[in-house]
Amino acid sequence: MGSSLVTGIDINNHSIKAVVLKPVGELYAVVGYKELPITDDIFTDNHTLEYQKTVKKLKELRKGLPFGCRHAAISVPDNTVISKVLQIESDLEGREKEFSIYQTFAHQSPFPIEELSLDFIKLDDKRFGNGSTTSYQVYATRKEVVESRSQALTKAGFRPVMVDTQAHGLLHIWQLATRLYPEKQSWIMIDIGVNQTSLGLIPQSGIPFFKDIAFGTQALYQAGHIGEHTTPFASAEQTQAFTVNLIERLKRQFQLYASANSLQALRGIWLMGEGAETPMLAEQLERHFQLACETLNPLALFENKASNKRYKSMGSHAFGIAAGIAVSGVKWQGVKHVASN
């Protein structure tokens, strides 16, 4: 079973979260999940990780996960990734196609191409390209951002299989939720973290809508560490101020969505993340935006094969990005195995 397990890992300034998934038919099962608080700053100024501190934490994390969890997928912040749509000649194949993508991207990149890690996917959207060209969505980030994560994972005993953006992690959870609740295709997913709030959905146009807001629950907690074993310390006034500030920021993002998706209005809001259960938040969002609003436990979207005794005391609303990154890893493993058969 161990070879089919993938651990999705999401690292931020306050904790490392991990969710272990295994494929079950076309869906997934949760085998385990874990959060470790971080007290030392493990990030450098350029979004790479302090090697020794990160390895130590990842080794500690691995001890708390089910036996056999070697394959790992890990997140990178969205602001470290450059994304472009490129048109490439349709008759190119294999290495020629890859060379053309790299060469075309190099002419548009603010960084030297040799300093970047690139990935690309073919776009089927008819609005991009024409008969003589094929369109590709290209993602690039500095090699040191990827290597600092993959090297730390390897040293800690993991086998890195995928590095993906936090945006893709959130959108994987949105896709799972709308698969279970198809009547909620026009609901937006909002992940309220400690110092960042992310929101996204994939409208009928097929072009994902995703935004990060530099605002989170930090103000609602006592000074000091925010993590698995702390309790909120916020007065009613602080909670209300937080809610008002969040609404103002969401209002701007909802207006951006509406301007680009006039034919598909938002119908509801899913909340997850550390701030999902902030008192009266769902009710106030519902009242202000006139939209249905519900908290979402992302782990409830999966078949549960985790030990209830082991995990019952852990809040699971905050594991959405890690779970979505694990989905990326499982999908990649599936594609790789199909390609090798």
C-alpha atoms as a PDB file:
ATOM      1  CA  MET A   1       0.000   0.000   0.000  1.00  0.00           C
ATOM      2  CA  GLY A   2       2.882   2.370   0.795  1.00  0.00           C
ATOM      3  CA  SER A   3       3.757   3.016  -2.856  1.00  0.00           C
ATOM      4  CA  SER A   4       0.262   4.361  -3.601  1.00  0.00           C
ATOM      5  CA  LEU A   5       0.236   6.769  -0.643  1.00  0.00           C
ATOM      6  CA  VAL A   6       1.034  10.434  -1.254  1.00  0.00           C
ATOM      7  CA  THR A   7       1.600  12.984   1.503  1.00  0.00           C
ATOM      8  CA  GLY A   8       0.586  16.552   0.648  1.00  0.00           C
ATOM      9  CA  ILE A   9       2.659  19.065   2.622  1.00  0.00           C
ATOM     10  CA  ASP A  10       1.840  22.750   3.082  1.00  0.00           C
ATOM     11  CA  ILE A  11       4.417  24.913   4.886  1.00  0.00           C
ATOM     12  CA  ASN A  12       3.795  28.424   6.153  1.00  0.00           C
ATOM     13  CA  ASN A  13       5.332  30.655   8.808  1.00  0.00           C
ATOM     14  CA  HIS A  14       3.306  29.112  11.623  1.00  0.00           C
ATOM     15  CA  SER A  15       3.039  25.397  10.923  1.00  0.00           C
ATOM     16  CA  ILE A  16       3.623  22.456   8.623  1.00  0.00           C
ATOM     17  CA  LYS A  17       0.451  20.602   7.657  1.00  0.00           C
ATOM     18  CA  ALA A  18       0.392  17.185   6.011  1.00  0.00           C
ATOM     19  CA  VAL A  19      -2.429  15.031   4.624  1.00  0.00           C
ATOM     20  CA  VAL A  20      -1.832  11.449   3.458  1.00  0.00           C
ATOM     21  CA  LEU A  21      -4.095  10.225   0.647  1.00  0.00           C
ATOM     22  CA  LYS A  22      -4.398   7.018  -1.304  1.00  0.00           C
ATOM     23  CA  PRO A  23      -6.375   6.495  -4.528  1.00  0.00           C
ATOM     24  CA  VAL A  24      -9.678   4.617  -4.255  1.00  0.00           C
ATOM     25  CA  GLY A  25     -11.048   4.144  -7.766  1.00  0.00           C
ATOM     26  CA  GLU A  26     -11.494   7.641  -9.190  1.00  0.00           C
ATOM     27  CA  LEU A  27     -11.592   9.187  -5.705  1.00  0.00           C
ATOM     28  CA  TYR A  28      -9.316   9.319  -2.670  1.00  0.00           C
ATOM     29  CA  ALA A  29      -9.157   8.196   0.942  1.00  0.00           C
ATOM     30  CA  VAL A  30      -7.534  10.031   3.873  1.00  0.00           C
ATOM     31  CA  VAL A  31      -5.099   7.723   5.639  1.00  0.00           C
ATOM     32  CA  GLY A  32      -3.689  10.297   8.066  1.00  0.00           C
ATOM     33  CA  TYR A  33      -3.012  13.974   8.698  1.00  0.00           C
ATOM     34  CA  LYS A  34      -0.769  15.985  10.990  1.00  0.00           C
ATOM     35  CA  GLU A  35       0.097  19.563  11.895  1.00  0.00           C
ATOM     36  CA  LEU A  36       3.368  20.656  13.492  1.00  0.00           C
ATOM     37  CA  PRO A  37       3.770  24.171  14.919  1.00  0.00           C
ATOM     38  CA  ILE A  38       6.797  26.207  13.828  1.00  0.00           C
ATOM     39  CA  THR A  39       8.440  28.509  16.339  1.00  0.00           C
ATOM     40  CA  ASP A  40      11.609  29.360  14.358  1.00  0.00           C
ATOM     41  CA  ASP A  41      11.442  31.201  11.071  1.00  0.00           C
ATOM     42  CA  ILE A  42      12.323  28.582   8.442  1.00  0.00           C
ATOM     43  CA  PHE A  43      11.852  30.883   5.434  1.00  0.00           C
ATOM     44  CA  THR A  44      14.548  33.072   3.909  1.00  0.00           C
ATOM     45  CA  ASP A  45      13.747  36.375   2.223  1.00  0.00           C
ATOM     46  CA  ASN A  46      13.509  34.747  -1.226  1.00  0.00           C
ATOM     47  CA  HIS A  47      10.949  32.053  -0.282  1.00  0.00           C
ATOM     48  CA  THR A  48      13.530  29.279   0.031  1.00  0.00           C
ATOM     49  CA  LEU A  49      13.671  27.163   3.200  1.00  0.00           C
ATOM     50  CA  GLU A  50      16.362  27.011   5.880  1.00  0.00           C
ATOM     51  CA  TYR A  51      17.706  23.527   5.172  1.00  0.00           C
ATOM     52  CA  GLN A  52      18.595  22.200   8.649  1.00  0.00           C
ATOM     53  CA  LYS A  53      15.523  23.628  10.408  1.00  0.00           C
ATOM     54  CA  THR A  54      13.204  22.309   7.694  1.00  0.00           C
ATOM     55  CA  VAL A  55      14.745  18.817   7.647  1.00  0.00           C
ATOM     56  CA  LYS A  56      14.403  18.579  11.426  1.00  0.00           C
ATOM     57  CA  LYS A  57      10.715  19.521  11.265  1.00  0.00           C
ATOM     58  CA  LEU A  58       9.986  17.196   8.341  1.00  0.00           C
ATOM     59  CA  LYS A  59      11.607  14.265  10.164  1.00  0.00           C
ATOM     60  CA  GLU A  60       9.433  15.021  13.184  1.00  0.00           C
ATOM     61  CA  LEU A  61       6.390  15.265  10.912  1.00  0.00           C
ATOM     62  CA  ARG A  62       7.113  11.914   9.255  1.00  0.00           C
ATOM     63  CA  LYS A  63       7.164  10.150  12.631  1.00  0.00           C
ATOM     64  CA  GLY A  64       3.538  11.211  13.177  1.00  0.00           C
ATOM     65  CA  LEU A  65       2.291   9.887   9.831  1.00  0.00           C
ATOM     66  CA  PRO A  66       1.199   6.341   8.915  1.00  0.00           C
ATOM     67  CA  PHE A  67       3.958   3.849   8.142  1.00  0.00           C
ATOM     68  CA  GLY A  68       5.096   3.747   4.525  1.00  0.00           C
ATOM     69  CA  CYS A  69       4.430   7.415   3.663  1.00  0.00           C
ATOM     70  CA  ARG A  70       7.418   8.119   1.423  1.00  0.00           C
ATOM     71  CA  HIS A  71       6.007   9.847  -1.649  1.00  0.00           C
ATOM     72  CA  ALA A  72       5.395  13.544  -0.993  1.00  0.00           C
ATOM     73  CA  ALA A  73       3.988  16.552  -2.832  1.00  0.00           C
ATOM     74  CA  ILE A  74       4.726  20.005  -1.458  1.00  0.00           C
ATOM     75  CA  SER A  75       3.317  23.489  -2.002  1.00  0.00           C
ATOM     76  CA  VAL A  76       5.069  26.649  -3.148  1.00  0.00           C
ATOM     77  CA  PRO A  77       3.607  30.145  -2.612  1.00  0.00           C
ATOM     78  CA  ASP A  78       1.729  31.468  -5.628  1.00  0.00           C
ATOM     79  CA  ASN A  79       3.716  34.707  -5.637  1.00  0.00           C
ATOM     80  CA  THR A  80       6.881  32.727  -6.477  1.00  0.00           C
ATOM     81  CA  VAL A  81       5.365  31.384  -9.712  1.00  0.00           C
ATOM     82  CA  ILE A  82       5.204  33.059 -13.140  1.00  0.00           C
ATOM     83  CA  SER A  83       2.358  31.863 -15.356  1.00  0.00           C
ATOM     84  CA  LYS A  84       2.021  32.545 -19.096  1.00  0.00           C
ATOM     85  CA  VAL A  85       0.019  31.189 -22.038  1.00  0.00           C
ATOM     86  CA  LEU A  86       2.252  30.486 -25.040  1.00  0.00           C
ATOM     87  CA  GLN A  87       1.366  29.584 -28.639  1.00  0.00           C
ATOM     88  CA  ILE A  88       3.599  26.870 -30.090  1.00  0.00           C
ATOM     89  CA  GLU A  89       3.572  25.397 -33.604  1.00  0.00           C
ATOM     90  CA  SER A  90       1.162  22.457 -33.636  1.00  0.00           C
ATOM     91  CA  ASP A  91       3.337  20.120 -35.694  1.00  0.00           C
ATOM     92  CA  LEU A  92       6.175  20.036 -33.136  1.00  0.00           C
ATOM     93  CA  GLU A  93       6.570  16.866 -31.072  1.00  0.00           C
ATOM     94  CA  GLY A  94       8.601  15.684 -28.098  1.00  0.00           C
ATOM     95  CA  ARG A  95      11.924  17.412 -27.559  1.00  0.00           C
ATOM     96  CA  GLU A  96      11.294  19.923 -30.364  1.00  0.00           C
ATOM     97  CA  LYS A  97       8.080  21.053 -28.682  1.00  0.00           C
ATOM     98  CA  GLU A  98       9.780  21.291 -25.290  1.00  0.00           C
ATOM     99  CA  PHE A  99      12.686  23.281 -26.745  1.00  0.00           C
ATOM    100  CA  SER A 100      10.279  25.692 -28.448  1.00  0.00           C
ATOM    101  CA  ILE A 101       8.351  26.254 -25.198  1.00  0.00           C
ATOM    102  CA  TYR A 102      11.571  26.956 -23.277  1.00  0.00           C
ATOM    103  CA  GLN A 103      12.885  29.262 -26.002  1.00  0.00           C
ATOM    104  CA  THR A 104       9.618  31.212 -26.289  1.00  0.00           C
ATOM    105  CA  PHE A 105       9.318  31.542 -22.514  1.00  0.00           C
ATOM    106  CA  ALA A 106      12.944  32.707 -22.234  1.00  0.00           C
ATOM    107  CA  HIS A 107      12.162  35.744 -24.419  1.00  0.00           C
ATOM    108  CA  GLN A 108       9.357  36.803 -22.034  1.00  0.00           C
ATOM    109  CA  SER A 109      10.886  35.906 -18.670  1.00  0.00           C
ATOM    110  CA  PRO A 110      12.266  38.514 -16.250  1.00  0.00           C
ATOM    111  CA  PHE A 111      14.749  35.838 -15.046  1.00  0.00           C
ATOM    112  CA  PRO A 112      17.404  33.883 -16.983  1.00  0.00           C
ATOM    113  CA  ILE A 113      15.840  30.623 -18.183  1.00  0.00           C
ATOM    114  CA  GLU A 114      18.679  28.552 -16.679  1.00  0.00           C
ATOM    115  CA  GLU A 115      17.640  29.763 -13.209  1.00  0.00           C
ATOM    116  CA  LEU A 116      14.049  28.530 -13.600  1.00  0.00           C
ATOM    117  CA  SER A 117      12.151  25.269 -13.226  1.00  0.00           C
ATOM    118  CA  LEU A 118       9.387  25.016 -15.857  1.00  0.00           C
ATOM    119  CA  ASP A 119       6.258  22.944 -16.236  1.00  0.00           C
ATOM    120  CA  PHE A 120       3.535  23.192 -18.878  1.00  0.00           C
ATOM    121  CA  ILE A 121       0.145  21.783 -19.811  1.00  0.00           C
ATOM    122  CA  LYS A 122      -1.722  21.830 -23.109  1.00  0.00           C
ATOM    123  CA  LEU A 123      -4.808  24.060 -23.204  1.00  0.00           C
ATOM    124  CA  ASP A 124      -7.933  22.841 -24.967  1.00  0.00           C
ATOM    125  CA  ASP A 125      -9.701  26.217 -24.757  1.00  0.00           C
ATOM    126  CA  LYS A 126     -10.608  27.198 -28.333  1.00  0.00           C
ATOM    127  CA  ARG A 127     -10.072  30.879 -27.561  1.00  0.00           C
ATOM    128  CA  PHE A 128      -6.335  30.256 -27.412  1.00  0.00           C
ATOM    129  CA  GLY A 129      -4.388  29.465 -30.564  1.00  0.00           C
ATOM    130  CA  ASN A 130      -5.621  28.395 -33.997  1.00  0.00           C
ATOM    131  CA  GLY A 131      -5.108  25.497 -36.370  1.00  0.00           C
ATOM    132  CA  SER A 132      -1.395  26.126 -36.885  1.00  0.00           C
ATOM    133  CA  THR A 133      -0.574  26.697 -33.210  1.00  0.00           C
ATOM    134  CA  THR A 134      -1.322  24.928 -29.944  1.00  0.00           C
ATOM    135  CA  SER A 135      -1.557  26.793 -26.642  1.00  0.00           C
ATOM    136  CA  TYR A 136       0.262  25.799 -23.476  1.00  0.00           C
ATOM    137  CA  GLN A 137      -0.084  27.133 -19.951  1.00  0.00           C
ATOM    138  CA  VAL A 138       3.483  27.472 -18.688  1.00  0.00           C
ATOM    139  CA  TYR A 139       4.446  27.741 -15.013  1.00  0.00           C
ATOM    140  CA  ALA A 140       7.913  28.756 -13.866  1.00  0.00           C
ATOM    141  CA  THR A 141       9.601  29.369 -10.542  1.00  0.00           C
ATOM    142  CA  ARG A 142      13.208  29.831  -9.512  1.00  0.00           C
ATOM    143  CA  LYS A 143      15.067  26.531  -9.198  1.00  0.00           C
ATOM    144  CA  GLU A 144      16.211  27.390  -5.684  1.00  0.00           C
ATOM    145  CA  VAL A 145      12.566  27.597  -4.513  1.00  0.00           C
ATOM    146  CA  VAL A 146      11.910  24.060  -5.776  1.00  0.00           C
ATOM    147  CA  GLU A 147      15.286  22.626  -4.782  1.00  0.00           C
ATOM    148  CA  SER A 148      15.170  23.923  -1.197  1.00  0.00           C
ATOM    149  CA  ARG A 149      11.931  21.971  -0.738  1.00  0.00           C
ATOM    150  CA  SER A 150      12.850  18.809  -2.637  1.00  0.00           C
ATOM    151  CA  GLN A 151      16.268  18.527  -0.974  1.00  0.00           C
ATOM    152  CA  ALA A 152      14.785  18.949   2.513  1.00  0.00           C
ATOM    153  CA  LEU A 153      12.098  16.345   1.751  1.00  0.00           C
ATOM    154  CA  THR A 154      14.697  13.866   0.497  1.00  0.00           C
ATOM    155  CA  LYS A 155      16.959  14.336   3.531  1.00  0.00           C
ATOM    156  CA  ALA A 156      13.952  13.806   5.839  1.00  0.00           C
ATOM    157  CA  GLY A 157      13.202  10.437   4.202  1.00  0.00           C
ATOM    158  CA  PHE A 158      10.490  11.467   1.759  1.00  0.00           C
ATOM    159  CA  ARG A 159      10.576  10.963  -2.008  1.00  0.00           C
ATOM    160  CA  PRO A 160       9.407  14.189  -3.733  1.00  0.00           C
ATOM    161  CA  VAL A 161       6.986  13.506  -6.595  1.00  0.00           C
ATOM    162  CA  MET A 162       5.385  16.912  -7.150  1.00  0.00           C
ATOM    163  CA  VAL A 163       5.829  20.604  -6.365  1.00  0.00           C
ATOM    164  CA  ASP A 164       2.609  22.548  -6.921  1.00  0.00           C
ATOM    165  CA  THR A 165       1.089  25.926  -6.132  1.00  0.00           C
ATOM    166  CA  GLN A 166      -1.213  26.572  -3.208  1.00  0.00           C
ATOM    167  CA  ALA A 167      -3.764  27.825  -5.756  1.00  0.00           C
ATOM    168  CA  HIS A 168      -3.920  24.415  -7.416  1.00  0.00           C
ATOM    169  CA  GLY A 169      -4.312  22.826  -3.978  1.00  0.00           C
ATOM    170  CA  LEU A 170      -7.335  24.984  -3.176  1.00  0.00           C
ATOM    171  CA  LEU A 171      -8.900  24.453  -6.611  1.00  0.00           C
ATOM    172  CA  HIS A 172      -8.550  20.665  -6.289  1.00  0.00           C
ATOM    173  CA  ILE A 173     -10.640  20.883  -3.103  1.00  0.00           C
ATOM    174  CA  TRP A 174     -13.188  23.076  -4.922  1.00  0.00           C
ATOM    175  CA  GLN A 175     -13.431  20.450  -7.681  1.00  0.00           C
ATOM    176  CA  LEU A 176     -13.988  17.645  -5.169  1.00  0.00           C
ATOM    177  CA  ALA A 177     -16.645  19.679  -3.341  1.00  0.00           C
ATOM    178  CA  THR A 178     -18.554  20.487  -6.543  1.00  0.00           C
ATOM    179  CA  ARG A 179     -18.330  16.858  -7.630  1.00  0.00           C
ATOM    180  CA  LEU A 180     -20.103  15.882  -4.414  1.00  0.00           C
ATOM    181  CA  TYR A 181     -22.446  18.900  -4.560  1.00  0.00           C
ATOM    182  CA  PRO A 182     -22.983  19.605  -8.298  1.00  0.00           C
ATOM    183  CA  GLU A 183     -25.707  22.142  -7.514  1.00  0.00           C
ATOM    184  CA  LYS A 184     -22.962  24.351  -5.974  1.00  0.00           C
ATOM    185  CA  GLN A 185     -20.899  24.914  -9.139  1.00  0.00           C
ATOM    186  CA  SER A 186     -21.172  28.685  -8.587  1.00  0.00           C
ATOM    187  CA  TRP A 187     -19.873  28.632  -4.998  1.00  0.00           C
ATOM    188  CA  ILE A 188     -16.499  30.179  -4.223  1.00  0.00           C
ATOM    189  CA  MET A 189     -14.005  28.518  -1.876  1.00  0.00           C
ATOM    190  CA  ILE A 190     -12.360  30.780   0.732  1.00  0.00           C
ATOM    191  CA  ASP A 191      -9.438  29.521   2.829  1.00  0.00           C
ATOM    192  CA  ILE A 192      -8.796  31.863   5.772  1.00  0.00           C
ATOM    193  CA  GLY A 193      -5.276  31.252   7.025  1.00  0.00           C
ATOM    194  CA  VAL A 194      -3.226  32.866   9.755  1.00  0.00           C
ATOM    195  CA  ASN A 195      -1.698  35.624   7.624  1.00  0.00           C
ATOM    196  CA  GLN A 196      -3.216  34.959   4.207  1.00  0.00           C
ATOM    197  CA  THR A 197      -6.695  34.380   2.794  1.00  0.00           C
ATOM    198  CA  SER A 198      -7.069  32.570  -0.534  1.00  0.00           C
ATOM    199  CA  LEU A 199     -10.203  32.305  -2.640  1.00  0.00           C
ATOM    200  CA  GLY A 200     -11.023  30.557  -5.867  1.00  0.00           C
ATOM    201  CA  LEU A 201     -13.349  28.601  -8.139  1.00  0.00           C
ATOM    202  CA  ILE A 202     -13.411  27.359 -11.721  1.00  0.00           C
ATOM    203  CA  PRO A 203     -16.321  29.035 -13.553  1.00  0.00           C
ATOM    204  CA  GLN A 204     -17.995  27.611 -16.658  1.00  0.00           C
ATOM    205  CA  SER A 205     -15.537  29.544 -18.830  1.00  0.00           C
ATOM    206  CA  GLY A 206     -12.916  27.049 -17.663  1.00  0.00           C
ATOM    207  CA  ILE A 207     -10.487  29.812 -16.681  1.00  0.00           C
ATOM    208  CA  PRO A 208      -9.739  29.448 -12.944  1.00  0.00           C
ATOM    209  CA  PHE A 209     -10.366  32.458 -10.720  1.00  0.00           C
ATOM    210  CA  PHE A 210      -7.915  32.583  -7.814  1.00  0.00           C
ATOM    211  CA  LYS A 211      -6.754  35.395  -5.544  1.00  0.00           C
ATOM    212  CA  ASP A 212      -4.559  35.737  -2.448  1.00  0.00           C
ATOM    213  CA  ILE A 213      -5.219  38.426   0.164  1.00  0.00           C
ATOM    214  CA  ALA A 214      -2.492  39.352   2.666  1.00  0.00           C
ATOM    215  CA  PHE A 215      -4.902  39.183   5.602  1.00  0.00           C
ATOM    216  CA  GLY A 216      -5.691  36.412   8.080  1.00  0.00           C
ATOM    217  CA  THR A 217      -6.603  35.454  11.625  1.00  0.00           C
ATOM    218  CA  GLN A 218      -3.367  36.658  13.209  1.00  0.00           C
ATOM    219  CA  ALA A 219      -5.072  39.566  14.955  1.00  0.00           C
ATOM    220  CA  LEU A 220      -7.535  37.205  16.661  1.00  0.00           C
ATOM    221  CA  TYR A 221      -4.906  35.369  18.693  1.00  0.00           C
ATOM    222  CA  GLN A 222      -2.636  36.119  21.574  1.00  0.00           C
ATOM    223  CA  ALA A 223       0.836  37.328  20.707  1.00  0.00           C
ATOM    224  CA  GLY A 224       3.120  34.361  20.277  1.00  0.00           C
ATOM    225  CA  HIS A 225       2.724  31.078  18.479  1.00  0.00           C
ATOM    226  CA  ILE A 226      -0.440  30.210  16.627  1.00  0.00           C
ATOM    227  CA  GLY A 227      -0.849  26.512  16.070  1.00  0.00           C
ATOM    228  CA  GLU A 228      -2.394  23.215  16.916  1.00  0.00           C
ATOM    229  CA  HIS A 229      -2.542  23.584  20.695  1.00  0.00           C
ATOM    230  CA  THR A 230      -3.432  27.260  21.126  1.00  0.00           C
ATOM    231  CA  THR A 231      -6.852  28.714  21.777  1.00  0.00           C
ATOM    232  CA  PRO A 232      -8.290  31.873  20.247  1.00  0.00           C
ATOM    233  CA  PHE A 233      -8.085  35.001  22.366  1.00  0.00           C
ATOM    234  CA  ALA A 234     -10.269  37.606  20.774  1.00  0.00           C
ATOM    235  CA  SER A 235     -12.850  39.948  22.202  1.00  0.00           C
ATOM    236  CA  ALA A 236     -16.180  40.495  20.483  1.00  0.00           C
ATOM    237  CA  GLU A 237     -14.820  43.852  19.289  1.00  0.00           C
ATOM    238  CA  GLN A 238     -11.701  42.250  17.784  1.00  0.00           C
ATOM    239  CA  THR A 239     -13.785  39.585  16.075  1.00  0.00           C
ATOM    240  CA  GLN A 240     -16.137  42.194  14.628  1.00  0.00           C
ATOM    241  CA  ALA A 241     -13.225  44.333  13.395  1.00  0.00           C
ATOM    242  CA  PHE A 242     -11.676  41.262  11.757  1.00  0.00           C
ATOM    243  CA  THR A 243     -14.964  40.395  10.046  1.00  0.00           C
ATOM    244  CA  VAL A 244     -15.490  43.946   8.754  1.00  0.00           C
ATOM    245  CA  ASN A 245     -11.925  44.062   7.381  1.00  0.00           C
ATOM    246  CA  LEU A 246     -12.339  40.674   5.708  1.00  0.00           C
ATOM    247  CA  ILE A 247     -15.645  41.707   4.112  1.00  0.00           C
ATOM    248  CA  GLU A 248     -14.042  44.853   2.649  1.00  0.00           C
ATOM    249  CA  ARG A 249     -11.233  42.814   1.105  1.00  0.00           C
ATOM    250  CA  LEU A 250     -13.586  40.132  -0.221  1.00  0.00           C
ATOM    251  CA  LYS A 251     -15.861  42.793  -1.716  1.00  0.00           C
ATOM    252  CA  ARG A 252     -13.050  43.936  -4.019  1.00  0.00           C
ATOM    253  CA  GLN A 253     -12.264  40.377  -5.124  1.00  0.00           C
ATOM    254  CA  PHE A 254     -15.936  39.541  -5.735  1.00  0.00           C
ATOM    255  CA  GLN A 255     -16.196  42.654  -7.935  1.00  0.00           C
ATOM    256  CA  LEU A 256     -13.173  41.463  -9.935  1.00  0.00           C
ATOM    257  CA  TYR A 257     -14.802  38.060 -10.372  1.00  0.00           C
ATOM    258  CA  ALA A 258     -18.104  39.608 -11.500  1.00  0.00           C
ATOM    259  CA  SER A 259     -16.395  41.821 -14.084  1.00  0.00           C
ATOM    260  CA  ALA A 260     -14.774  38.771 -15.724  1.00  0.00           C
ATOM    261  CA  ASN A 261     -17.677  36.326 -15.279  1.00  0.00           C
ATOM    262  CA  SER A 262     -20.853  38.328 -15.841  1.00  0.00           C
ATOM    263  CA  LEU A 263     -22.789  35.244 -17.027  1.00  0.00           C
ATOM    264  CA  GLN A 264     -22.121  33.211 -13.874  1.00  0.00           C
ATOM    265  CA  ALA A 265     -22.899  35.086 -10.669  1.00  0.00           C
ATOM    266  CA  LEU A 266     -21.658  33.735  -7.350  1.00  0.00           C
ATOM    267  CA  ARG A 267     -24.323  31.735  -5.493  1.00  0.00           C
ATOM    268  CA  GLY A 268     -22.559  30.779  -2.288  1.00  0.00           C
ATOM    269  CA  ILE A 269     -19.410  30.677  -0.158  1.00  0.00           C
ATOM    270  CA  TRP A 270     -17.507  27.760   1.353  1.00  0.00           C
ATOM    271  CA  LEU A 271     -15.227  28.640   4.278  1.00  0.00           C
ATOM    272  CA  MET A 272     -12.219  26.610   5.348  1.00  0.00           C
ATOM    273  CA  GLY A 273      -8.878  27.345   7.020  1.00  0.00           C
ATOM    274  CA  GLU A 274      -7.974  28.443  10.536  1.00  0.00           C
ATOM    275  CA  GLY A 275     -10.552  31.243  10.439  1.00  0.00           C
ATOM    276  CA  ALA A 276     -13.479  29.226   9.086  1.00  0.00           C
ATOM    277  CA  GLU A 277     -15.198  28.934  12.456  1.00  0.00           C
ATOM    278  CA  THR A 278     -14.682  32.514  13.619  1.00  0.00           C
ATOM    279  CA  PRO A 279     -17.826  33.319  15.650  1.00  0.00           C
ATOM    280  CA  MET A 280     -20.664  34.719  13.507  1.00  0.00           C
ATOM    281  CA  LEU A 281     -18.411  35.041  10.439  1.00  0.00           C
ATOM    282  CA  ALA A 282     -20.520  32.807   8.181  1.00  0.00           C
ATOM    283  CA  GLU A 283     -23.700  34.578   9.255  1.00  0.00           C
ATOM    284  CA  GLN A 284     -22.242  38.041   8.605  1.00  0.00           C
ATOM    285  CA  LEU A 285     -20.847  37.055   5.197  1.00  0.00           C
ATOM    286  CA  GLU A 286     -24.230  35.601   4.292  1.00  0.00           C
ATOM    287  CA  ARG A 287     -26.024  38.751   5.369  1.00  0.00           C
ATOM    288  CA  HIS A 288     -23.616  41.192   3.701  1.00  0.00           C
ATOM    289  CA  PHE A 289     -23.230  39.442   0.333  1.00  0.00           C
ATOM    290  CA  GLN A 290     -26.712  37.895   0.231  1.00  0.00           C
ATOM    291  CA  LEU A 291     -25.103  34.525  -0.513  1.00  0.00           C
ATOM    292  CA  ALA A 292     -25.430  31.171   1.219  1.00  0.00           C
ATOM    293  CA  CYS A 293     -22.336  30.564   3.373  1.00  0.00           C
ATOM    294  CA  GLU A 294     -21.178  27.286   4.939  1.00  0.00           C
ATOM    295  CA  THR A 295     -18.038  26.044   6.647  1.00  0.00           C
ATOM    296  CA  LEU A 296     -16.416  23.139   4.829  1.00  0.00           C
ATOM    297  CA  ASN A 297     -14.337  20.375   6.382  1.00  0.00           C
ATOM    298  CA  PRO A 298     -12.057  19.515   3.432  1.00  0.00           C
ATOM    299  CA  LEU A 299     -11.187  16.098   4.850  1.00  0.00           C
ATOM    300  CA  ALA A 300     -14.885  15.146   4.831  1.00  0.00           C
ATOM    301  CA  LEU A 301     -14.676  15.159   1.015  1.00  0.00           C
ATOM    302  CA  PHE A 302     -12.575  11.986   1.174  1.00  0.00           C
ATOM    303  CA  GLU A 303     -13.263   8.457   2.291  1.00  0.00           C
ATOM    304  CA  ASN A 304     -11.970   8.246   5.865  1.00  0.00           C
ATOM    305  CA  LYS A 305      -9.430   5.536   6.588  1.00  0.00           C
ATOM    306  CA  ALA A 306      -7.623   7.472   9.311  1.00  0.00           C
ATOM    307  CA  SER A 307      -7.659   6.195  12.881  1.00  0.00           C
ATOM    308  CA  ASN A 308     -10.468   8.050  14.673  1.00  0.00           C
ATOM    309  CA  LYS A 309      -8.721   7.578  17.998  1.00  0.00           C
ATOM    310  CA  ARG A 310      -5.533   9.126  16.670  1.00  0.00           C
ATOM    311  CA  TYR A 311      -7.035  12.137  14.927  1.00  0.00           C
ATOM    312  CA  LYS A 312     -10.314  12.934  16.670  1.00  0.00           C
ATOM    313  CA  SER A 313      -8.894  15.825  18.712  1.00  0.00           C
ATOM    314  CA  MET A 314      -7.486  17.656  15.683  1.00  0.00           C
ATOM    315  CA  GLY A 315      -9.471  20.376  13.933  1.00  0.00           C
ATOM    316  CA  SER A 316      -9.508  19.603  10.236  1.00  0.00           C
ATOM    317  CA  HIS A 317     -10.813  22.791   8.560  1.00  0.00           C
ATOM    318  CA  ALA A 318      -7.232  24.040   8.128  1.00  0.00           C
ATOM    319  CA  PHE A 319      -5.967  21.063   6.094  1.00  0.00           C
ATOM    320  CA  GLY A 320      -7.517  22.063   2.753  1.00  0.00           C
ATOM    321  CA  ILE A 321      -4.370  23.223   0.931  1.00  0.00           C
ATOM    322  CA  ALA A 322      -2.329  20.224   2.135  1.00  0.00           C
ATOM    323  CA  ALA A 323      -5.127  17.873   1.042  1.00  0.00           C
ATOM    324  CA  GLY A 324      -5.338  19.562  -2.360  1.00  0.00           C
ATOM    325  CA  ILE A 325      -1.571  19.268  -2.826  1.00  0.00           C
ATOM    326  CA  ALA A 326      -1.853  15.553  -1.976  1.00  0.00           C
ATOM    327  CA  VAL A 327      -4.501  15.240  -4.724  1.00  0.00           C
ATOM    328  CA  SER A 328      -1.979  16.811  -7.151  1.00  0.00           C
ATOM    329  CA  GLY A 329       0.555  14.179  -6.138  1.00  0.00           C
ATOM    330  CA  VAL A 330      -1.865  11.249  -6.486  1.00  0.00           C
ATOM    331  CA  LYS A 331      -2.951  12.492  -9.931  1.00  0.00           C
ATOM    332  CA  TRP A 332       0.673  12.828 -11.013  1.00  0.00           C
ATOM    333  CA  GLN A 333       1.429   9.302  -9.802  1.00  0.00           C
ATOM    334  CA  GLY A 334      -1.546   8.009 -11.783  1.00  0.00           C
ATOM    335  CA  VAL A 335      -0.465   9.754 -14.995  1.00  0.00           C
ATOM    336  CA  LYS A 336       3.102   8.527 -14.530  1.00  0.00           C
ATOM    337  CA  HIS A 337       1.996   4.926 -14.012  1.00  0.00           C
ATOM    338  CA  VAL A 338      -0.304   5.033 -17.053  1.00  0.00           C
ATOM    339  CA  ALA A 339       2.523   6.456 -19.154  1.00  0.00           C
ATOM    340  CA  SER A 340       4.928   3.735 -18.023  1.00  0.00           C
ATOM    341  CA  ASN A 341       2.565   0.836 -18.813  1.00  0.00           C
END
